[in-house]
Structure formats: structure tokens, C-alpha cells
């Protein structure tokens, strides 16, 4: 494996770890008094995706099921504890991106 390939792989791992860490933050926020506000904003984002056809129906169905469940344990099971391959795809298209700014 060449230097560029190793660097690309390293960058991908860093990116995946950052997404996983961010969604750990989302999970913590879903266990806070802000839960209802966060779920409402995520639902609004999903509605925008659907209305404007901004992403695949697969992502819309997945995230809708997580948000409509309305609890952090569903989020944990479907997002944080999902198999890595599926989890990474979902994390890249997250309706919780509005929380990224506050996390820094």
C-alpha cells in the first residue's frame, strides 16, 4: 500500500470516528431536557429532505423511524450500535447536523 493510500485510509478512519463521536454527543443531548426540541428540529430537517427530494428515501425512512420513536435508547440501538457499514452511511446523512455548530 502506497503512502497516498495509507493517508486516505487514515483520513477515512478519522472522519468515521468524528461522525461516531458527534452522534455520541447527539445521544447525550437526547438524554437531556433538550430532547423534545432536538427531535422536533430533526423531524423538520427530514421533512425538508422529503419535500425537496434532497436524499434517498432510504435515509428518510431510517431517520424518520429513529426520530419518531422519540427516545434515546432507539437512537442508541439503531445508530450507535448498528453494524459499522450501515452506521457510517447513516451518520453521513444526519438530521442532527444543526448540533455540530454548538459542539465545535
N, C-alpha and C. Protein backbone atom coordinates (compact mmCIF):
# COMPACT_ATOMS: atom_id res chain seq x y z
N UNK A 1 0.86 -1.18 0.00
CA UNK A 1 0.00 0.00 0.00
C UNK A 1 0.90 1.23 0.00
N UNK A 2 0.59 2.17 -0.89
CA UNK A 2 1.38 3.38 -1.01
C UNK A 2 1.06 4.40 0.06
N UNK A 3 1.88 5.43 0.13
CA UNK A 3 1.72 6.50 1.11
C UNK A 3 0.36 7.18 0.95
N UNK A 4 -0.03 7.46 -0.28
CA UNK A 4 -1.31 8.13 -0.51
C UNK A 4 -2.48 7.27 -0.06
N UNK A 5 -2.40 5.98 -0.31
CA UNK A 5 -3.48 5.07 0.10
C UNK A 5 -3.56 4.99 1.62
N UNK A 6 -2.41 4.92 2.28
CA UNK A 6 -2.41 4.88 3.75
C UNK A 6 -3.00 6.17 4.32
N UNK A 7 -2.63 7.27 3.72
CA UNK A 7 -3.14 8.57 4.18
C UNK A 7 -4.65 8.66 3.98
N UNK A 8 -5.12 8.22 2.84
CA UNK A 8 -6.55 8.24 2.56
C UNK A 8 -7.31 7.34 3.54
N UNK A 9 -6.75 6.18 3.82
CA UNK A 9 -7.39 5.27 4.77
C UNK A 9 -7.41 5.90 6.16
N UNK A 10 -6.32 6.51 6.55
CA UNK A 10 -6.23 7.17 7.86
C UNK A 10 -7.26 8.31 7.94
N UNK A 11 -7.35 9.10 6.88
CA UNK A 11 -8.32 10.20 6.85
C UNK A 11 -9.75 9.68 6.98
N UNK A 12 -10.04 8.56 6.32
CA UNK A 12 -11.39 7.97 6.38
C UNK A 12 -11.70 7.49 7.80
N UNK A 13 -10.72 6.86 8.42
CA UNK A 13 -10.92 6.40 9.80
C UNK A 13 -11.16 7.59 10.73
N UNK A 14 -10.37 8.66 10.57
CA UNK A 14 -10.56 9.86 11.38
C UNK A 14 -11.95 10.45 11.17
N UNK A 15 -12.38 10.50 9.92
CA UNK A 15 -13.71 11.04 9.59
C UNK A 15 -14.81 10.19 10.23
N UNK A 16 -14.70 8.88 10.10
CA UNK A 16 -15.69 7.97 10.68
C UNK A 16 -15.74 8.10 12.20
N UNK A 17 -14.57 8.21 12.82
CA UNK A 17 -14.52 8.36 14.29
C UNK A 17 -15.15 9.69 14.72
N UNK A 18 -14.93 10.74 13.94
CA UNK A 18 -15.53 12.04 14.26
C UNK A 18 -17.06 11.97 14.16
N UNK A 19 -17.56 11.30 13.13
CA UNK A 19 -19.02 11.14 13.00
C UNK A 19 -19.59 10.33 14.16
N UNK A 20 -18.90 9.27 14.53
CA UNK A 20 -19.36 8.44 15.65
C UNK A 20 -19.35 9.26 16.94
N UNK A 21 -18.30 10.02 17.15
CA UNK A 21 -18.20 10.86 18.35
C UNK A 21 -19.31 11.91 18.37
N UNK A 22 -19.55 12.55 17.23
CA UNK A 22 -20.61 13.54 17.15
C UNK A 22 -21.95 12.92 17.53
N UNK A 23 -22.24 11.73 17.02
CA UNK A 23 -23.52 11.10 17.33
C UNK A 23 -23.58 10.61 18.77
N UNK A 24 -22.43 10.39 19.38
CA UNK A 24 -22.41 10.16 20.83
C UNK A 24 -22.87 11.40 21.57
N UNK A 25 -22.47 12.56 21.05
CA UNK A 25 -22.93 13.84 21.60
C UNK A 25 -24.44 14.00 21.42
N UNK A 26 -24.93 13.64 20.24
CA UNK A 26 -26.38 13.70 20.00
C UNK A 26 -27.11 12.82 21.01
N UNK A 27 -26.60 11.62 21.22
CA UNK A 27 -27.21 10.70 22.20
C UNK A 27 -27.27 11.36 23.58
N UNK A 28 -26.17 11.99 23.99
CA UNK A 28 -26.15 12.67 25.29
C UNK A 28 -27.21 13.77 25.35
N UNK A 29 -27.36 14.51 24.25
CA UNK A 29 -28.36 15.58 24.22
C UNK A 29 -29.78 15.02 24.24
N UNK A 30 -29.97 13.83 23.70
CA UNK A 30 -31.30 13.20 23.73
C UNK A 30 -31.63 12.68 25.13
N UNK A 31 -30.66 12.69 26.00
CA UNK A 31 -30.87 12.33 27.40
C UNK A 31 -30.91 13.57 28.28
N UNK A 32 -31.12 14.71 27.66
CA UNK A 32 -31.16 15.98 28.40
C UNK A 32 -32.56 16.59 28.27
N UNK A 33 -32.79 17.67 29.00
CA UNK A 33 -34.09 18.36 28.88
C UNK A 33 -34.36 18.91 27.47
N UNK A 34 -33.35 18.95 26.62
CA UNK A 34 -33.49 19.46 25.26
C UNK A 34 -34.07 18.43 24.28
N UNK A 35 -34.30 17.24 24.73
CA UNK A 35 -34.69 16.13 23.85
C UNK A 35 -35.82 16.51 22.89
N UNK A 36 -36.91 17.04 23.39
CA UNK A 36 -38.06 17.33 22.53
C UNK A 36 -37.72 18.36 21.45
N UNK A 37 -36.99 19.40 21.82
CA UNK A 37 -36.57 20.42 20.86
C UNK A 37 -35.69 19.80 19.78
N UNK A 38 -34.75 18.97 20.18
CA UNK A 38 -33.82 18.35 19.23
C UNK A 38 -34.58 17.43 18.27
N UNK A 39 -35.48 16.63 18.80
CA UNK A 39 -36.25 15.73 17.94
C UNK A 39 -37.16 16.51 16.99
N UNK A 40 -37.72 17.60 17.46
CA UNK A 40 -38.56 18.44 16.59
C UNK A 40 -37.74 19.01 15.44
N UNK A 41 -36.56 19.52 15.75
CA UNK A 41 -35.72 20.10 14.70
C UNK A 41 -35.24 19.03 13.72
N UNK A 42 -34.93 17.85 14.22
CA UNK A 42 -34.52 16.75 13.33
C UNK A 42 -35.68 16.35 12.42
N UNK A 43 -36.89 16.29 12.97
CA UNK A 43 -38.07 15.96 12.16
C UNK A 43 -38.29 17.01 11.08
N UNK A 44 -38.08 18.28 11.41
CA UNK A 44 -38.21 19.34 10.41
C UNK A 44 -37.19 19.16 9.29
N UNK A 45 -35.98 18.77 9.66
CA UNK A 45 -34.93 18.55 8.66
C UNK A 45 -35.32 17.39 7.74
N UNK A 46 -35.85 16.33 8.30
CA UNK A 46 -36.27 15.18 7.50
C UNK A 46 -37.41 15.58 6.55
N UNK A 47 -38.35 16.38 7.04
CA UNK A 47 -39.44 16.86 6.19
C UNK A 47 -38.89 17.68 5.02
N UNK A 48 -37.88 18.50 5.28
CA UNK A 48 -37.24 19.28 4.22
C UNK A 48 -36.60 18.36 3.19
N UNK A 49 -35.89 17.34 3.65
CA UNK A 49 -35.29 16.36 2.74
C UNK A 49 -36.35 15.76 1.83
N UNK A 50 -37.46 15.36 2.46
CA UNK A 50 -38.53 14.69 1.71
C UNK A 50 -39.20 15.65 0.72
N UNK A 51 -39.55 16.82 1.19
CA UNK A 51 -40.23 17.81 0.35
C UNK A 51 -39.39 18.20 -0.87
N UNK A 52 -38.10 18.39 -0.65
CA UNK A 52 -37.21 18.85 -1.73
C UNK A 52 -36.41 17.73 -2.38
N UNK A 53 -36.73 16.49 -2.01
CA UNK A 53 -36.04 15.32 -2.58
C UNK A 53 -34.51 15.48 -2.48
N UNK A 54 -34.07 15.77 -1.27
CA UNK A 54 -32.66 16.05 -1.04
C UNK A 54 -31.81 14.82 -0.75
N UNK A 55 -32.46 13.72 -0.44
CA UNK A 55 -31.70 12.49 -0.23
C UNK A 55 -32.61 11.28 -0.49
N UNK A 56 -32.00 10.15 -0.45
CA UNK A 56 -32.68 8.89 -0.73
C UNK A 56 -33.84 8.64 0.24
N UNK A 57 -34.87 8.01 -0.26
CA UNK A 57 -36.00 7.61 0.59
C UNK A 57 -35.55 6.66 1.69
N UNK A 58 -34.49 5.92 1.44
CA UNK A 58 -33.93 5.01 2.45
C UNK A 58 -33.51 5.78 3.70
N UNK A 59 -32.77 6.87 3.50
CA UNK A 59 -32.33 7.69 4.63
C UNK A 59 -33.52 8.33 5.33
N UNK A 60 -34.47 8.78 4.55
CA UNK A 60 -35.67 9.41 5.13
C UNK A 60 -36.42 8.40 6.00
N UNK A 61 -36.62 7.19 5.49
CA UNK A 61 -37.31 6.17 6.29
C UNK A 61 -36.53 5.83 7.56
N UNK A 62 -35.23 5.63 7.40
CA UNK A 62 -34.41 5.26 8.56
C UNK A 62 -34.48 6.33 9.64
N UNK A 63 -34.14 7.57 9.26
CA UNK A 63 -34.09 8.63 10.26
C UNK A 63 -35.48 8.96 10.80
N UNK A 64 -36.51 8.85 9.98
CA UNK A 64 -37.87 9.08 10.46
C UNK A 64 -38.21 8.09 11.56
N UNK A 65 -37.83 6.84 11.39
CA UNK A 65 -38.13 5.83 12.41
C UNK A 65 -37.39 6.12 13.71
N UNK A 66 -36.17 6.61 13.60
CA UNK A 66 -35.39 6.96 14.80
C UNK A 66 -36.03 8.15 15.52
N UNK A 67 -36.34 9.19 14.77
CA UNK A 67 -36.88 10.41 15.37
C UNK A 67 -38.29 10.17 15.92
N UNK A 68 -39.12 9.46 15.17
CA UNK A 68 -40.50 9.21 15.62
C UNK A 68 -40.55 8.34 16.86
N UNK A 69 -39.55 7.49 17.05
CA UNK A 69 -39.51 6.66 18.26
C UNK A 69 -39.43 7.56 19.50
N UNK A 70 -38.75 8.68 19.35
CA UNK A 70 -38.75 9.69 20.41
C UNK A 70 -37.97 9.35 21.66
N UNK A 71 -37.06 8.41 21.58
CA UNK A 71 -36.29 8.10 22.78
C UNK A 71 -34.83 7.81 22.45
N UNK A 72 -33.99 8.05 23.43
CA UNK A 72 -32.56 7.91 23.22
C UNK A 72 -32.13 6.46 23.05
N UNK A 73 -32.85 5.53 23.63
CA UNK A 73 -32.45 4.12 23.52
C UNK A 73 -32.63 3.60 22.09
N UNK A 74 -33.68 4.05 21.41
CA UNK A 74 -33.84 3.69 20.00
C UNK A 74 -32.70 4.27 19.19
N UNK A 75 -32.34 5.52 19.47
CA UNK A 75 -31.21 6.16 18.80
C UNK A 75 -29.95 5.33 19.03
N UNK A 76 -29.73 4.96 20.26
CA UNK A 76 -28.53 4.18 20.60
C UNK A 76 -28.50 2.86 19.84
N UNK A 77 -29.61 2.15 19.85
CA UNK A 77 -29.67 0.84 19.19
C UNK A 77 -29.54 0.94 17.68
N UNK A 78 -30.25 1.87 17.06
CA UNK A 78 -30.28 1.95 15.59
C UNK A 78 -29.11 2.72 15.00
N UNK A 79 -28.50 3.60 15.78
CA UNK A 79 -27.44 4.45 15.24
C UNK A 79 -26.08 4.09 15.83
N UNK A 80 -25.96 4.17 17.14
CA UNK A 80 -24.65 3.96 17.75
C UNK A 80 -24.22 2.50 17.79
N UNK A 81 -25.18 1.59 17.88
CA UNK A 81 -24.83 0.18 17.99
C UNK A 81 -25.07 -0.59 16.70
N UNK A 82 -25.38 0.10 15.63
CA UNK A 82 -25.62 -0.54 14.33
C UNK A 82 -24.30 -1.06 13.78
N UNK A 83 -24.37 -2.05 12.89
CA UNK A 83 -23.14 -2.51 12.23
C UNK A 83 -22.43 -1.33 11.56
N UNK A 84 -21.12 -1.32 11.61
CA UNK A 84 -20.32 -0.17 11.17
C UNK A 84 -20.65 0.27 9.75
N UNK A 85 -20.80 -0.64 8.84
CA UNK A 85 -21.03 -0.27 7.44
C UNK A 85 -22.33 0.53 7.28
N UNK A 86 -23.40 0.04 7.89
CA UNK A 86 -24.68 0.75 7.80
C UNK A 86 -24.63 2.04 8.61
N UNK A 87 -24.05 1.96 9.77
CA UNK A 87 -23.98 3.11 10.65
C UNK A 87 -23.27 4.28 9.99
N UNK A 88 -22.15 4.04 9.36
CA UNK A 88 -21.40 5.14 8.73
C UNK A 88 -22.20 5.80 7.61
N UNK A 89 -22.92 5.02 6.85
CA UNK A 89 -23.76 5.61 5.79
C UNK A 89 -24.82 6.51 6.40
N UNK A 90 -25.45 6.06 7.47
CA UNK A 90 -26.49 6.85 8.11
C UNK A 90 -25.92 8.11 8.75
N UNK A 91 -24.76 7.98 9.37
CA UNK A 91 -24.17 9.11 10.08
C UNK A 91 -23.76 10.24 9.13
N UNK A 92 -23.47 9.90 7.90
CA UNK A 92 -23.07 10.92 6.93
C UNK A 92 -24.25 11.75 6.45
N UNK A 93 -25.45 11.25 6.64
CA UNK A 93 -26.68 11.96 6.25
C UNK A 93 -27.56 12.10 7.49
N UNK A 94 -27.14 12.94 8.38
CA UNK A 94 -27.82 13.04 9.67
C UNK A 94 -28.74 14.26 9.76
N UNK A 95 -29.93 14.08 10.31
CA UNK A 95 -30.81 15.23 10.50
C UNK A 95 -30.44 16.03 11.75
N UNK A 96 -29.38 15.61 12.44
CA UNK A 96 -28.95 16.29 13.66
C UNK A 96 -27.77 17.22 13.42
N UNK A 97 -27.48 17.50 12.17
CA UNK A 97 -26.29 18.31 11.84
C UNK A 97 -26.33 19.71 12.47
N UNK A 98 -27.51 20.21 12.79
CA UNK A 98 -27.62 21.52 13.43
C UNK A 98 -26.90 21.56 14.77
N UNK A 99 -26.65 20.40 15.37
CA UNK A 99 -25.93 20.35 16.65
C UNK A 99 -24.42 20.46 16.47
N UNK A 100 -23.94 20.32 15.26
CA UNK A 100 -22.49 20.37 15.03
C UNK A 100 -21.90 21.71 15.42
N UNK A 101 -22.62 22.77 15.15
CA UNK A 101 -22.10 24.11 15.46
C UNK A 101 -21.88 24.29 16.95
N UNK A 102 -22.79 23.80 17.76
CA UNK A 102 -22.64 24.03 19.20
C UNK A 102 -21.56 23.15 19.81
N UNK A 103 -21.30 22.05 19.17
CA UNK A 103 -20.27 21.14 19.69
C UNK A 103 -18.88 21.65 19.37
N UNK A 104 -18.77 22.35 18.26
CA UNK A 104 -17.49 22.94 17.90
C UNK A 104 -16.64 22.11 17.07
